[in-house]
N, C-alpha and C. Protein backbone atom coordinates (compact mmCIF):
# COMPACT_ATOMS: atom_id res chain seq x y z
N MET A 1 0.85 -1.19 0.00
CA MET A 1 0.00 0.00 0.00
C MET A 1 0.88 1.24 0.00
N PRO A 2 0.62 2.19 -0.93
CA PRO A 2 1.43 3.40 -0.92
C PRO A 2 1.17 4.21 0.35
N THR A 3 2.20 4.85 0.84
CA THR A 3 2.06 5.71 2.00
C THR A 3 1.29 6.96 1.59
N THR A 4 0.38 7.40 2.46
CA THR A 4 -0.35 8.63 2.17
C THR A 4 0.65 9.78 2.22
N PRO A 5 0.74 10.55 1.14
CA PRO A 5 1.71 11.64 1.10
C PRO A 5 1.21 12.85 1.89
N THR A 6 2.12 13.76 2.18
CA THR A 6 1.75 15.09 2.63
C THR A 6 1.93 15.98 1.42
N LEU A 7 0.86 16.67 1.04
CA LEU A 7 0.89 17.58 -0.10
C LEU A 7 0.80 18.99 0.45
N GLU A 8 1.72 19.88 0.02
CA GLU A 8 1.63 21.23 0.55
C GLU A 8 2.23 22.26 -0.38
N ASN A 9 1.75 23.48 -0.21
CA ASN A 9 2.33 24.65 -0.86
C ASN A 9 2.34 25.77 0.18
N THR A 10 2.49 27.00 -0.24
CA THR A 10 2.60 28.09 0.74
C THR A 10 1.29 28.35 1.47
N ARG A 11 0.16 27.89 0.94
CA ARG A 11 -1.14 28.18 1.53
C ARG A 11 -1.72 27.05 2.37
N VAL A 12 -1.49 25.78 1.95
CA VAL A 12 -2.19 24.68 2.60
C VAL A 12 -1.29 23.46 2.74
N ARG A 13 -1.57 22.68 3.80
CA ARG A 13 -0.90 21.39 3.97
C ARG A 13 -1.98 20.32 4.09
N LEU A 14 -1.90 19.33 3.22
CA LEU A 14 -2.78 18.17 3.28
C LEU A 14 -1.95 17.02 3.82
N SER A 15 -2.24 16.61 5.04
CA SER A 15 -1.48 15.53 5.67
C SER A 15 -2.40 14.34 5.89
N PRO A 16 -1.84 13.15 6.08
CA PRO A 16 -2.68 11.96 6.27
C PRO A 16 -3.65 12.13 7.44
N LEU A 17 -4.92 11.82 7.21
CA LEU A 17 -5.94 11.85 8.25
C LEU A 17 -5.86 10.54 9.02
N THR A 18 -5.72 10.62 10.33
CA THR A 18 -5.55 9.44 11.16
C THR A 18 -6.41 9.54 12.42
N LEU A 19 -6.47 8.44 13.17
CA LEU A 19 -7.17 8.46 14.45
C LEU A 19 -6.42 9.27 15.49
N ASP A 20 -5.16 9.60 15.22
CA ASP A 20 -4.38 10.43 16.13
C ASP A 20 -4.61 11.92 15.93
N ASN A 21 -5.11 12.32 14.74
CA ASN A 21 -5.24 13.76 14.50
C ASN A 21 -6.65 14.23 14.14
N TYR A 22 -7.58 13.34 13.92
CA TYR A 22 -8.90 13.76 13.46
C TYR A 22 -9.62 14.65 14.47
N HIS A 23 -9.27 14.55 15.74
CA HIS A 23 -9.93 15.37 16.77
C HIS A 23 -9.78 16.87 16.51
N ASN A 24 -8.78 17.23 15.69
CA ASN A 24 -8.61 18.64 15.31
C ASN A 24 -9.79 19.16 14.49
N LEU A 25 -10.66 18.26 14.04
CA LEU A 25 -11.79 18.63 13.20
C LEU A 25 -13.11 18.71 13.97
N ASN A 26 -13.11 18.38 15.27
CA ASN A 26 -14.36 18.31 16.02
C ASN A 26 -15.18 19.59 15.95
N THR A 27 -14.56 20.73 16.15
CA THR A 27 -15.29 22.00 16.15
C THR A 27 -15.86 22.30 14.77
N ILE A 28 -15.05 22.13 13.73
CA ILE A 28 -15.51 22.40 12.37
C ILE A 28 -16.64 21.46 11.98
N ALA A 29 -16.51 20.19 12.35
CA ALA A 29 -17.53 19.20 11.99
C ALA A 29 -18.89 19.53 12.58
N ASN A 30 -18.93 20.33 13.64
CA ASN A 30 -20.20 20.70 14.27
C ASN A 30 -20.89 21.89 13.61
N GLU A 31 -20.24 22.52 12.61
CA GLU A 31 -20.86 23.67 11.96
C GLU A 31 -22.16 23.25 11.29
N LYS A 32 -23.18 24.08 11.44
CA LYS A 32 -24.51 23.78 10.91
C LYS A 32 -24.48 23.65 9.38
N ASP A 33 -25.06 22.57 8.89
CA ASP A 33 -25.22 22.32 7.45
C ASP A 33 -23.91 22.26 6.68
N LEU A 34 -22.80 21.96 7.35
CA LEU A 34 -21.51 21.93 6.68
C LEU A 34 -21.49 20.90 5.56
N ILE A 35 -22.06 19.73 5.81
CA ILE A 35 -22.10 18.70 4.77
C ILE A 35 -23.55 18.33 4.45
N TYR A 36 -24.38 19.34 4.33
CA TYR A 36 -25.80 19.16 4.05
C TYR A 36 -26.03 18.27 2.83
N TYR A 37 -25.22 18.43 1.79
CA TYR A 37 -25.41 17.70 0.54
C TYR A 37 -24.68 16.37 0.50
N SER A 38 -24.20 15.92 1.63
CA SER A 38 -23.47 14.65 1.69
C SER A 38 -24.32 13.59 2.40
N PRO A 39 -24.20 12.33 1.97
CA PRO A 39 -24.89 11.27 2.70
C PRO A 39 -24.17 10.88 3.99
N SER A 40 -22.99 11.45 4.22
CA SER A 40 -22.21 11.13 5.42
C SER A 40 -22.73 11.89 6.63
N ASN A 41 -22.27 11.44 7.80
CA ASN A 41 -22.64 12.10 9.06
C ASN A 41 -21.37 12.37 9.85
N ILE A 42 -21.15 13.64 10.21
CA ILE A 42 -20.01 14.01 11.06
C ILE A 42 -20.47 14.89 12.22
N SER A 43 -21.77 14.84 12.54
CA SER A 43 -22.38 15.81 13.44
C SER A 43 -22.06 15.61 14.92
N THR A 44 -21.53 14.47 15.29
CA THR A 44 -21.14 14.22 16.68
C THR A 44 -19.71 13.69 16.70
N PRO A 45 -19.03 13.77 17.83
CA PRO A 45 -17.67 13.22 17.89
C PRO A 45 -17.63 11.73 17.50
N GLU A 46 -18.67 10.97 17.88
CA GLU A 46 -18.72 9.55 17.54
C GLU A 46 -18.90 9.36 16.04
N ALA A 47 -19.79 10.15 15.44
CA ALA A 47 -20.03 10.05 14.00
C ALA A 47 -18.78 10.45 13.22
N LEU A 48 -18.08 11.48 13.68
CA LEU A 48 -16.85 11.91 13.02
C LEU A 48 -15.80 10.80 13.11
N LYS A 49 -15.70 10.16 14.27
CA LYS A 49 -14.74 9.06 14.42
C LYS A 49 -15.09 7.91 13.47
N ASP A 50 -16.37 7.57 13.35
CA ASP A 50 -16.81 6.52 12.41
C ASP A 50 -16.43 6.90 10.98
N TYR A 51 -16.66 8.17 10.62
CA TYR A 51 -16.34 8.68 9.28
C TYR A 51 -14.84 8.49 8.99
N VAL A 52 -14.01 8.82 9.97
CA VAL A 52 -12.56 8.69 9.82
C VAL A 52 -12.15 7.22 9.77
N GLU A 53 -12.76 6.39 10.60
CA GLU A 53 -12.44 4.95 10.58
C GLU A 53 -12.77 4.32 9.22
N ILE A 54 -13.88 4.74 8.61
CA ILE A 54 -14.22 4.25 7.27
C ILE A 54 -13.15 4.67 6.27
N ALA A 55 -12.69 5.92 6.37
CA ALA A 55 -11.64 6.42 5.47
C ALA A 55 -10.34 5.63 5.67
N ILE A 56 -10.02 5.34 6.90
CA ILE A 56 -8.78 4.60 7.19
C ILE A 56 -8.88 3.17 6.66
N ARG A 57 -10.03 2.53 6.83
CA ARG A 57 -10.22 1.19 6.26
C ARG A 57 -10.08 1.24 4.74
N GLY A 58 -10.65 2.25 4.13
CA GLY A 58 -10.52 2.42 2.68
C GLY A 58 -9.08 2.62 2.27
N ASN A 59 -8.32 3.31 3.10
CA ASN A 59 -6.90 3.51 2.82
C ASN A 59 -6.16 2.18 2.88
N GLU A 60 -6.50 1.36 3.86
CA GLU A 60 -5.87 0.04 3.97
C GLU A 60 -6.23 -0.84 2.77
N GLU A 61 -7.42 -0.63 2.22
CA GLU A 61 -7.87 -1.40 1.06
C GLU A 61 -7.44 -0.76 -0.28
N ARG A 62 -6.73 0.35 -0.19
CA ARG A 62 -6.21 1.09 -1.35
C ARG A 62 -7.29 1.72 -2.22
N THR A 63 -8.45 2.04 -1.63
CA THR A 63 -9.52 2.69 -2.39
C THR A 63 -9.73 4.15 -1.97
N ILE A 64 -9.08 4.56 -0.88
CA ILE A 64 -9.23 5.91 -0.33
C ILE A 64 -7.87 6.41 0.13
N ILE A 65 -7.61 7.70 -0.09
CA ILE A 65 -6.45 8.38 0.51
C ILE A 65 -7.00 9.63 1.19
N PRO A 66 -7.18 9.59 2.53
CA PRO A 66 -7.81 10.71 3.24
C PRO A 66 -6.79 11.73 3.77
N PHE A 67 -7.21 13.00 3.76
CA PHE A 67 -6.33 14.08 4.21
C PHE A 67 -6.99 14.96 5.25
N LEU A 68 -6.15 15.49 6.14
CA LEU A 68 -6.50 16.54 7.09
C LEU A 68 -6.01 17.84 6.47
N VAL A 69 -6.87 18.87 6.43
CA VAL A 69 -6.54 20.14 5.79
C VAL A 69 -6.09 21.15 6.84
N PHE A 70 -4.89 21.70 6.65
CA PHE A 70 -4.36 22.74 7.54
C PHE A 70 -4.15 24.00 6.72
N ASP A 71 -4.80 25.08 7.14
CA ASP A 71 -4.70 26.37 6.45
C ASP A 71 -3.49 27.13 7.02
N LYS A 72 -2.47 27.30 6.20
CA LYS A 72 -1.25 27.97 6.66
C LYS A 72 -1.47 29.46 6.90
N ALA A 73 -2.42 30.06 6.18
CA ALA A 73 -2.67 31.50 6.33
C ALA A 73 -3.16 31.82 7.75
N SER A 74 -4.04 30.98 8.28
CA SER A 74 -4.58 31.22 9.62
C SER A 74 -3.91 30.36 10.69
N GLN A 75 -3.07 29.42 10.23
CA GLN A 75 -2.39 28.49 11.14
C GLN A 75 -3.41 27.65 11.94
N ARG A 76 -4.47 27.20 11.22
CA ARG A 76 -5.50 26.40 11.87
C ARG A 76 -5.94 25.27 10.96
N TYR A 77 -6.45 24.21 11.59
CA TYR A 77 -7.04 23.11 10.83
C TYR A 77 -8.36 23.60 10.24
N ALA A 78 -8.60 23.22 8.98
CA ALA A 78 -9.75 23.77 8.26
C ALA A 78 -10.77 22.73 7.84
N GLY A 79 -10.39 21.45 7.76
CA GLY A 79 -11.34 20.44 7.31
C GLY A 79 -10.68 19.18 6.82
N SER A 80 -11.36 18.52 5.89
CA SER A 80 -10.90 17.23 5.40
C SER A 80 -11.25 17.08 3.92
N THR A 81 -10.48 16.26 3.22
CA THR A 81 -10.74 15.92 1.83
C THR A 81 -10.13 14.55 1.56
N ARG A 82 -10.42 13.99 0.40
CA ARG A 82 -9.80 12.70 0.10
C ARG A 82 -9.86 12.37 -1.38
N PHE A 83 -8.98 11.45 -1.75
CA PHE A 83 -9.13 10.71 -2.99
C PHE A 83 -9.97 9.50 -2.62
N GLY A 84 -10.95 9.17 -3.44
CA GLY A 84 -11.79 8.01 -3.14
C GLY A 84 -12.15 7.27 -4.42
N SER A 85 -12.81 6.16 -4.24
CA SER A 85 -13.20 5.30 -5.38
C SER A 85 -12.01 5.10 -6.31
N ILE A 86 -10.84 4.84 -5.72
CA ILE A 86 -9.61 4.72 -6.50
C ILE A 86 -9.61 3.40 -7.27
N ASN A 87 -9.51 3.51 -8.58
CA ASN A 87 -9.46 2.35 -9.46
C ASN A 87 -8.06 2.30 -10.07
N TRP A 88 -7.19 1.50 -9.45
CA TRP A 88 -5.78 1.45 -9.86
C TRP A 88 -5.62 0.86 -11.26
N LYS A 89 -6.47 -0.09 -11.62
CA LYS A 89 -6.36 -0.73 -12.93
C LYS A 89 -6.68 0.24 -14.06
N ASN A 90 -7.81 0.96 -13.90
CA ASN A 90 -8.24 1.89 -14.95
C ASN A 90 -7.66 3.29 -14.79
N LYS A 91 -6.94 3.51 -13.68
CA LYS A 91 -6.29 4.80 -13.43
C LYS A 91 -7.29 5.95 -13.37
N VAL A 92 -8.37 5.73 -12.60
CA VAL A 92 -9.40 6.73 -12.39
C VAL A 92 -9.65 6.84 -10.89
N LEU A 93 -9.80 8.07 -10.40
CA LEU A 93 -10.14 8.27 -8.99
C LEU A 93 -11.05 9.47 -8.87
N HIS A 94 -11.67 9.58 -7.70
CA HIS A 94 -12.51 10.73 -7.39
C HIS A 94 -11.79 11.62 -6.38
N ILE A 95 -12.00 12.91 -6.51
CA ILE A 95 -11.63 13.86 -5.46
C ILE A 95 -12.95 14.30 -4.86
N GLY A 96 -13.06 14.17 -3.56
CA GLY A 96 -14.31 14.56 -2.92
C GLY A 96 -14.27 14.38 -1.42
N TRP A 97 -15.48 14.21 -0.84
CA TRP A 97 -15.62 14.12 0.60
C TRP A 97 -14.92 15.34 1.23
N THR A 98 -15.01 16.47 0.52
CA THR A 98 -14.32 17.69 0.94
C THR A 98 -15.26 18.56 1.76
N TRP A 99 -14.80 18.93 2.93
CA TRP A 99 -15.53 19.91 3.73
C TRP A 99 -14.52 20.74 4.50
N ILE A 100 -14.72 22.05 4.38
CA ILE A 100 -13.88 23.00 5.11
C ILE A 100 -14.81 23.96 5.84
N GLY A 101 -14.36 24.44 6.98
CA GLY A 101 -15.16 25.35 7.79
C GLY A 101 -15.62 26.57 7.00
N GLN A 102 -16.75 27.11 7.40
CA GLN A 102 -17.34 28.22 6.66
C GLN A 102 -16.40 29.42 6.56
N GLU A 103 -15.61 29.68 7.58
CA GLU A 103 -14.71 30.84 7.52
C GLU A 103 -13.59 30.66 6.50
N PHE A 104 -13.35 29.42 6.05
CA PHE A 104 -12.30 29.16 5.07
C PHE A 104 -12.84 29.13 3.64
N GLN A 105 -14.16 29.08 3.53
CA GLN A 105 -14.79 29.01 2.21
C GLN A 105 -14.67 30.36 1.51
N GLY A 106 -14.35 30.32 0.22
CA GLY A 106 -14.22 31.55 -0.56
C GLY A 106 -12.92 32.30 -0.34
N THR A 107 -11.94 31.65 0.31
CA THR A 107 -10.66 32.32 0.61
C THR A 107 -9.54 31.88 -0.33
N GLY A 108 -9.83 30.95 -1.23
CA GLY A 108 -8.79 30.40 -2.10
C GLY A 108 -8.19 29.11 -1.56
N LEU A 109 -8.56 28.73 -0.35
CA LEU A 109 -8.02 27.51 0.25
C LEU A 109 -8.39 26.28 -0.58
N ASN A 110 -9.66 26.17 -0.96
CA ASN A 110 -10.11 25.00 -1.71
C ASN A 110 -9.38 24.89 -3.05
N LYS A 111 -9.16 25.99 -3.73
CA LYS A 111 -8.47 25.95 -5.03
C LYS A 111 -7.03 25.46 -4.84
N ASN A 112 -6.39 25.88 -3.77
CA ASN A 112 -5.04 25.39 -3.48
C ASN A 112 -5.05 23.89 -3.19
N MET A 113 -6.05 23.44 -2.45
CA MET A 113 -6.18 22.01 -2.15
C MET A 113 -6.34 21.22 -3.44
N LYS A 114 -7.25 21.68 -4.29
CA LYS A 114 -7.53 20.95 -5.53
C LYS A 114 -6.32 20.95 -6.46
N PHE A 115 -5.58 22.05 -6.50
CA PHE A 115 -4.37 22.07 -7.32
C PHE A 115 -3.40 20.98 -6.88
N LEU A 116 -3.13 20.91 -5.58
CA LEU A 116 -2.20 19.90 -5.07
C LEU A 116 -2.68 18.49 -5.36
N MET A 117 -3.97 18.27 -5.22
CA MET A 117 -4.53 16.93 -5.43
C MET A 117 -4.52 16.55 -6.92
N LEU A 118 -4.90 17.48 -7.78
CA LEU A 118 -4.87 17.20 -9.21
C LEU A 118 -3.44 16.95 -9.69
N LYS A 119 -2.52 17.77 -9.23
CA LYS A 119 -1.11 17.62 -9.61
C LYS A 119 -0.61 16.23 -9.18
N TYR A 120 -0.92 15.84 -7.97
CA TYR A 120 -0.48 14.53 -7.47
C TYR A 120 -1.12 13.39 -8.27
N ALA A 121 -2.43 13.51 -8.53
CA ALA A 121 -3.15 12.45 -9.26
C ALA A 121 -2.59 12.28 -10.67
N PHE A 122 -2.35 13.38 -11.36
CA PHE A 122 -1.91 13.28 -12.76
C PHE A 122 -0.40 13.13 -12.91
N GLU A 123 0.37 13.81 -12.07
CA GLU A 123 1.82 13.83 -12.28
C GLU A 123 2.59 12.80 -11.46
N THR A 124 2.09 12.42 -10.30
CA THR A 124 2.78 11.43 -9.47
C THR A 124 2.16 10.05 -9.66
N LEU A 125 0.83 9.97 -9.47
CA LEU A 125 0.16 8.67 -9.64
C LEU A 125 -0.01 8.32 -11.12
N GLU A 126 0.08 9.32 -11.98
CA GLU A 126 -0.07 9.15 -13.43
C GLU A 126 -1.42 8.54 -13.79
N PHE A 127 -2.47 9.05 -13.15
CA PHE A 127 -3.81 8.59 -13.44
C PHE A 127 -4.31 9.23 -14.73
N GLU A 128 -5.29 8.58 -15.35
CA GLU A 128 -5.85 9.03 -16.63
C GLU A 128 -7.00 10.01 -16.46
N LYS A 129 -7.70 9.92 -15.30
CA LYS A 129 -8.89 10.74 -15.13
C LYS A 129 -9.15 10.99 -13.65
N VAL A 130 -9.61 12.20 -13.36
CA VAL A 130 -10.07 12.57 -12.02
C VAL A 130 -11.53 12.96 -12.14
N GLU A 131 -12.34 12.39 -11.26
CA GLU A 131 -13.77 12.68 -11.27
C GLU A 131 -14.19 13.38 -9.99
N PHE A 132 -15.28 14.13 -10.10
CA PHE A 132 -15.92 14.80 -8.96
C PHE A 132 -17.39 14.45 -9.03
N ARG A 133 -17.98 14.00 -7.93
CA ARG A 133 -19.40 13.66 -7.88
C ARG A 133 -20.07 14.61 -6.89
N ILE A 134 -21.07 15.34 -7.38
CA ILE A 134 -21.68 16.41 -6.57
C ILE A 134 -23.20 16.33 -6.65
N ASP A 135 -23.85 16.53 -5.51
CA ASP A 135 -25.31 16.60 -5.46
C ASP A 135 -25.77 17.67 -6.46
N GLU A 136 -26.73 17.30 -7.28
CA GLU A 136 -27.25 18.21 -8.31
C GLU A 136 -27.72 19.54 -7.71
N ARG A 137 -28.19 19.53 -6.48
CA ARG A 137 -28.72 20.74 -5.83
C ARG A 137 -27.62 21.65 -5.30
N ASN A 138 -26.40 21.14 -5.20
CA ASN A 138 -25.31 21.88 -4.57
C ASN A 138 -24.64 22.82 -5.59
N LYS A 139 -25.29 23.94 -5.84
CA LYS A 139 -24.82 24.89 -6.85
C LYS A 139 -23.43 25.45 -6.53
N LYS A 140 -23.16 25.69 -5.26
CA LYS A 140 -21.88 26.27 -4.84
C LYS A 140 -20.71 25.33 -5.20
N SER A 141 -20.84 24.05 -4.86
CA SER A 141 -19.78 23.09 -5.16
C SER A 141 -19.67 22.83 -6.66
N ARG A 142 -20.80 22.80 -7.34
CA ARG A 142 -20.76 22.59 -8.79
C ARG A 142 -20.01 23.73 -9.47
N LYS A 143 -20.31 24.95 -9.06
CA LYS A 143 -19.64 26.11 -9.65
C LYS A 143 -18.13 26.07 -9.36
N ALA A 144 -17.76 25.67 -8.14
CA ALA A 144 -16.35 25.59 -7.77
C ALA A 144 -15.60 24.58 -8.65
N VAL A 145 -16.21 23.42 -8.89
CA VAL A 145 -15.58 22.39 -9.72
C VAL A 145 -15.51 22.83 -11.18
N GLU A 146 -16.54 23.52 -11.65
CA GLU A 146 -16.51 24.04 -13.01
C GLU A 146 -15.40 25.06 -13.19
N LYS A 147 -15.14 25.86 -12.15
CA LYS A 147 -14.04 26.84 -12.21
C LYS A 147 -12.67 26.17 -12.28
N LEU A 148 -12.60 24.90 -11.89
CA LEU A 148 -11.35 24.14 -11.98
C LEU A 148 -11.11 23.58 -13.38
N GLY A 149 -12.08 23.73 -14.26
CA GLY A 149 -11.94 23.21 -15.61
C GLY A 149 -12.54 21.84 -15.82
N ALA A 150 -13.28 21.34 -14.83
CA ALA A 150 -13.91 20.03 -14.96
C ALA A 150 -15.13 20.12 -15.88
N THR A 151 -15.37 19.05 -16.63
CA THR A 151 -16.48 18.97 -17.58
C THR A 151 -17.61 18.15 -16.98
N LEU A 152 -18.84 18.67 -17.06
CA LEU A 152 -20.01 17.90 -16.64
C LEU A 152 -20.23 16.79 -17.66
N GLU A 153 -20.15 15.54 -17.21
CA GLU A 153 -20.26 14.40 -18.11
C GLU A 153 -21.64 13.77 -18.10
N GLY A 154 -22.40 14.07 -17.08
CA GLY A 154 -23.73 13.50 -17.00
C GLY A 154 -24.28 13.58 -15.59
N ILE A 155 -25.53 13.21 -15.44
CA ILE A 155 -26.18 13.23 -14.14
C ILE A 155 -26.78 11.85 -13.88
N LEU A 156 -26.37 11.27 -12.76
CA LEU A 156 -26.94 9.99 -12.32
C LEU A 156 -28.20 10.31 -11.53
N ARG A 157 -29.34 9.88 -12.03
CA ARG A 157 -30.61 10.26 -11.44
C ARG A 157 -30.94 9.42 -10.21
N LYS A 158 -31.23 10.14 -9.11
CA LYS A 158 -31.69 9.54 -7.85
C LYS A 158 -30.84 8.33 -7.45
N ASP A 159 -29.53 8.51 -7.45
CA ASP A 159 -28.62 7.38 -7.21
C ASP A 159 -28.08 7.29 -5.79
N VAL A 160 -28.30 8.31 -4.95
CA VAL A 160 -27.74 8.29 -3.59
C VAL A 160 -28.86 8.60 -2.58
N LEU A 161 -28.97 7.74 -1.58
CA LEU A 161 -29.93 7.95 -0.50
C LEU A 161 -29.30 8.84 0.56
N MET A 162 -29.94 9.96 0.86
CA MET A 162 -29.43 10.90 1.84
C MET A 162 -29.91 10.54 3.24
N LYS A 163 -29.30 11.17 4.25
CA LYS A 163 -29.65 10.89 5.64
C LYS A 163 -31.13 11.11 5.94
N ASP A 164 -31.72 12.11 5.27
CA ASP A 164 -33.13 12.45 5.54
C ASP A 164 -34.12 11.65 4.70
N GLY A 165 -33.62 10.66 3.93
CA GLY A 165 -34.48 9.84 3.11
C GLY A 165 -34.63 10.33 1.67
N PHE A 166 -34.16 11.53 1.38
CA PHE A 166 -34.22 12.08 0.03
C PHE A 166 -33.27 11.30 -0.88
N ARG A 167 -33.71 11.04 -2.12
CA ARG A 167 -32.84 10.39 -3.10
C ARG A 167 -32.29 11.47 -4.01
N ARG A 168 -31.00 11.73 -3.88
CA ARG A 168 -30.39 12.80 -4.67
C ARG A 168 -29.97 12.31 -6.05
N SER A 169 -29.85 13.24 -6.97
CA SER A 169 -29.23 12.98 -8.27
C SER A 169 -27.82 13.55 -8.21
N THR A 170 -26.86 12.86 -8.83
CA THR A 170 -25.45 13.21 -8.71
C THR A 170 -24.88 13.67 -10.05
N CYS A 171 -24.30 14.86 -10.03
CA CYS A 171 -23.62 15.39 -11.21
C CYS A 171 -22.21 14.81 -11.26
N CYS A 172 -21.85 14.25 -12.40
CA CYS A 172 -20.52 13.65 -12.58
C CYS A 172 -19.68 14.58 -13.45
N TYR A 173 -18.59 15.08 -12.86
CA TYR A 173 -17.65 15.93 -13.56
C TYR A 173 -16.34 15.18 -13.74
N GLY A 174 -15.56 15.55 -14.75
CA GLY A 174 -14.28 14.89 -14.96
C GLY A 174 -13.25 15.81 -15.58
N ILE A 175 -11.99 15.48 -15.27
CA ILE A 175 -10.83 16.09 -15.93
C ILE A 175 -9.97 14.94 -16.43
N LEU A 176 -9.61 14.98 -17.71
CA LEU A 176 -8.76 13.96 -18.31
C LEU A 176 -7.30 14.36 -18.21
N LYS A 177 -6.43 13.35 -18.20
CA LYS A 177 -4.98 13.58 -18.10
C LYS A 177 -4.50 14.54 -19.19
N GLU A 178 -5.02 14.40 -20.41
CA GLU A 178 -4.56 15.27 -21.50
C GLU A 178 -5.08 16.70 -21.36
N GLU A 179 -6.09 16.92 -20.52
CA GLU A 179 -6.60 18.27 -20.27
C GLU A 179 -5.81 18.98 -19.17
N TRP A 180 -5.13 18.22 -18.35
CA TRP A 180 -4.44 18.78 -17.19
C TRP A 180 -3.38 19.82 -17.55
N PRO A 181 -2.49 19.62 -18.54
CA PRO A 181 -1.47 20.64 -18.80
C PRO A 181 -2.06 22.03 -19.10
N LEU A 182 -3.12 22.10 -19.88
CA LEU A 182 -3.74 23.40 -20.19
C LEU A 182 -4.42 23.99 -18.95
N ILE A 183 -5.11 23.15 -18.19
CA ILE A 183 -5.76 23.62 -16.96
C ILE A 183 -4.70 24.15 -16.00
N LYS A 184 -3.60 23.43 -15.88
CA LYS A 184 -2.51 23.84 -14.98
C LYS A 184 -1.93 25.19 -15.42
N MET A 185 -1.77 25.39 -16.73
CA MET A 185 -1.17 26.62 -17.24
C MET A 185 -2.12 27.81 -17.21
N THR A 186 -3.42 27.57 -17.20
CA THR A 186 -4.38 28.67 -17.24
C THR A 186 -5.05 28.89 -15.89
N ILE A 187 -5.85 27.95 -15.47
CA ILE A 187 -6.61 28.09 -14.23
C ILE A 187 -5.70 28.17 -13.00
N PHE A 188 -4.59 27.41 -13.04
CA PHE A 188 -3.66 27.38 -11.90
C PHE A 188 -2.34 28.07 -12.23
N LYS A 189 -2.34 29.04 -13.13
CA LYS A 189 -1.09 29.64 -13.60
C LYS A 189 -0.26 30.30 -12.50
N ASN A 190 -0.87 30.73 -11.42
CA ASN A 190 -0.13 31.40 -10.34
C ASN A 190 0.25 30.46 -9.20
N PHE A 191 0.13 29.16 -9.43
CA PHE A 191 0.41 28.19 -8.35
C PHE A 191 1.80 27.60 -8.52
C-alpha cells in the first residue's frame, strides 16, 4: 500500500488523516449544514470518528487516501478531503468528501487544495482521469468544480440515498490527463 503523502504549498498542507489527529476537526464538523449535501454524518464526535475509521479502512484497502486540511494562512485546521473510489487498474479516482469550515470558504483555500490533489493524481500517480461527484442541488460546489476546468459528463438520477431519506441525483464531472497541462497553465497559472 502506498504511504499517504503530505501535499503542501505556501497556503495549505494536506497531511494523512488518522485516528491520532482527526480530533482537530471536532469544532468544524459541528458547523450547521456543513455537509448538508453529503450522505455522510459528522455531526457528533462519535459520527466523526466513524467517518474517519471508514476512510482509514478504505486507505488500507487502497480505495481511499484521506487528508486533514491545515490552512497555513490562519495556522489552523480547516477540514478534510480525500481521494476516493480509486481504481488502480483503470487509473481513475474521485476527489471529494471535501468539507472545510465556513470561515475558510471563498478564501482560495479549496483551489489550493484541488491544485495539489490534481497535480499529485496526474503527475505522481499518473492517473488518466479525475472525477468529482456532486449533489445536483449543490450549486456552490458545482460552480467551484466548473471553475477548476472540470467537464459535466452526466447526471446519475436519484442514485444516492441521503440521511433524511431524500434520493439525490449526482452530477458527474471529470478532468482527463490530456486536459491537465492546459488547466494547470491557465486556471492554476499562479500556483
